C-alpha atoms as a PDB file:
ATOM      1  CA  UNK A   1     -13.519   7.771   4.787  1.00  0.00           C
ATOM      2  CA  UNK A   2     -13.649  10.831   2.718  1.00  0.00           C
ATOM      3  CA  UNK A   3     -10.647  12.304   5.032  1.00  0.00           C
ATOM      4  CA  UNK A   4      -8.074  10.262   4.175  1.00  0.00           C
ATOM      5  CA  UNK A   5      -6.824  11.466   1.131  1.00  0.00           C
ATOM      6  CA  UNK A   6      -6.880  10.201  -3.011  1.00  0.00           C
ATOM      7  CA  UNK A   7      -3.560   9.473  -4.605  1.00  0.00           C
ATOM      8  CA  UNK A   8      -3.692   9.142  -8.904  1.00  0.00           C
ATOM      9  CA  UNK A   9      -1.570   6.418 -10.124  1.00  0.00           C
ATOM     10  CA  UNK A  10       0.805   9.273 -11.899  1.00  0.00           C
ATOM     11  CA  UNK A  11       0.927  10.575  -8.144  1.00  0.00           C
ATOM     12  CA  UNK A  12       2.247   6.824  -6.496  1.00  0.00           C
ATOM     13  CA  UNK A  13       4.015   6.217  -9.376  1.00  0.00           C
ATOM     14  CA  UNK A  14       5.929   9.438  -9.255  1.00  0.00           C
ATOM     15  CA  UNK A  15       6.445   8.767  -5.035  1.00  0.00           C
ATOM     16  CA  UNK A  16       7.308   5.031  -5.425  1.00  0.00           C
ATOM     17  CA  UNK A  17      10.252   4.561  -3.906  1.00  0.00           C
ATOM     18  CA  UNK A  18      10.782   7.684  -2.305  1.00  0.00           C
ATOM     19  CA  UNK A  19      12.264   8.313   1.864  1.00  0.00           C
ATOM     20  CA  UNK A  20       9.088   8.211   4.114  1.00  0.00           C
ATOM     21  CA  UNK A  21       6.510   6.915   1.077  1.00  0.00           C
ATOM     22  CA  UNK A  22       5.350   2.776   1.238  1.00  0.00           C
ATOM     23  CA  UNK A  23       2.394   1.304  -0.984  1.00  0.00           C
ATOM     24  CA  UNK A  24       0.956  -2.143   0.386  1.00  0.00           C
ATOM     25  CA  UNK A  25      -1.337  -4.149  -1.406  1.00  0.00           C
ATOM     26  CA  UNK A  26      -3.831  -5.821   0.332  1.00  0.00           C
ATOM     27  CA  UNK A  27      -5.179  -8.864  -2.849  1.00  0.00           C
ATOM     28  CA  UNK A  28      -3.909 -11.679  -1.665  1.00  0.00           C
ATOM     29  CA  UNK A  29      -1.163 -13.324  -1.739  1.00  0.00           C
ATOM     30  CA  UNK A  30      -1.939 -15.384  -4.801  1.00  0.00           C
ATOM     31  CA  UNK A  31      -2.896 -12.826  -6.197  1.00  0.00           C
ATOM     32  CA  UNK A  32      -0.039 -10.099  -5.413  1.00  0.00           C
ATOM     33  CA  UNK A  33       2.309 -13.283  -6.622  1.00  0.00           C
ATOM     34  CA  UNK A  34       0.703 -12.754 -10.341  1.00  0.00           C
ATOM     35  CA  UNK A  35       1.123  -9.309 -10.261  1.00  0.00           C
ATOM     36  CA  UNK A  36       1.654  -5.977  -7.915  1.00  0.00           C
ATOM     37  CA  UNK A  37       3.106  -2.311  -8.467  1.00  0.00           C
ATOM     38  CA  UNK A  38       7.185  -2.409  -8.537  1.00  0.00           C
ATOM     39  CA  UNK A  39       8.114  -2.363  -4.304  1.00  0.00           C
ATOM     40  CA  UNK A  40       5.098  -2.497  -2.637  1.00  0.00           C
ATOM     41  CA  UNK A  41       4.543  -5.305  -0.221  1.00  0.00           C
ATOM     42  CA  UNK A  42       1.785  -8.045   0.251  1.00  0.00           C
ATOM     43  CA  UNK A  43       0.039  -7.322   3.473  1.00  0.00           C
ATOM     44  CA  UNK A  44      -3.208  -8.964   4.480  1.00  0.00           C
ATOM     45  CA  UNK A  45      -5.665  -6.350   5.716  1.00  0.00           C
ATOM     46  CA  UNK A  46      -7.620  -8.335   8.305  1.00  0.00           C
ATOM     47  CA  UNK A  47      -4.204 -10.161   9.611  1.00  0.00           C
ATOM     48  CA  UNK A  48      -0.865  -7.956  10.316  1.00  0.00           C
ATOM     49  CA  UNK A  49       0.520  -6.414  13.490  1.00  0.00           C
ATOM     50  CA  UNK A  50       1.814  -3.578  13.665  1.00  0.00           C
ATOM     51  CA  UNK A  51       5.404  -4.134  13.488  1.00  0.00           C
ATOM     52  CA  UNK A  52       4.319  -4.625   9.954  1.00  0.00           C
ATOM     53  CA  UNK A  53       3.973  -1.288   9.709  1.00  0.00           C
ATOM     54  CA  UNK A  54       7.130   1.621   9.182  1.00  0.00           C
ATOM     55  CA  UNK A  55       7.751   3.203  12.660  1.00  0.00           C
ATOM     56  CA  UNK A  56       7.040   6.572  11.046  1.00  0.00           C
ATOM     57  CA  UNK A  57       3.896   8.149  11.867  1.00  0.00           C
ATOM     58  CA  UNK A  58       4.164  10.857   9.730  1.00  0.00           C
ATOM     59  CA  UNK A  59       5.492   8.511   6.644  1.00  0.00           C
ATOM     60  CA  UNK A  60       2.922   8.132   3.675  1.00  0.00           C
ATOM     61  CA  UNK A  61       0.796   5.011   3.696  1.00  0.00           C
ATOM     62  CA  UNK A  62      -0.989   3.501   0.026  1.00  0.00           C
ATOM     63  CA  UNK A  63      -3.253   0.710   0.327  1.00  0.00           C
ATOM     64  CA  UNK A  64      -4.455  -1.139  -2.768  1.00  0.00           C
ATOM     65  CA  UNK A  65      -6.588  -3.720  -3.607  1.00  0.00           C
ATOM     66  CA  UNK A  66      -9.215  -5.352  -6.751  1.00  0.00           C
ATOM     67  CA  UNK A  67     -12.299  -6.112  -4.514  1.00  0.00           C
ATOM     68  CA  UNK A  68     -14.523  -4.112  -5.194  1.00  0.00           C
ATOM     69  CA  UNK A  69     -14.556  -1.922  -2.486  1.00  0.00           C
END
């Protein structure tokens, strides 16, 4: 995954809520309910439909979880 850029927490916080910038929390629903990045949408990384992602192919998508990977 070397070609996938990483963003710092500060960069995500600065861009959160901007058009074309979407944050997805890939933790389980229970963990998401206990706490998540403001505005983040919960998305099951193993079972989701294409319609759950924005249709704009130029959008920036940020995915995070608390897993070891």
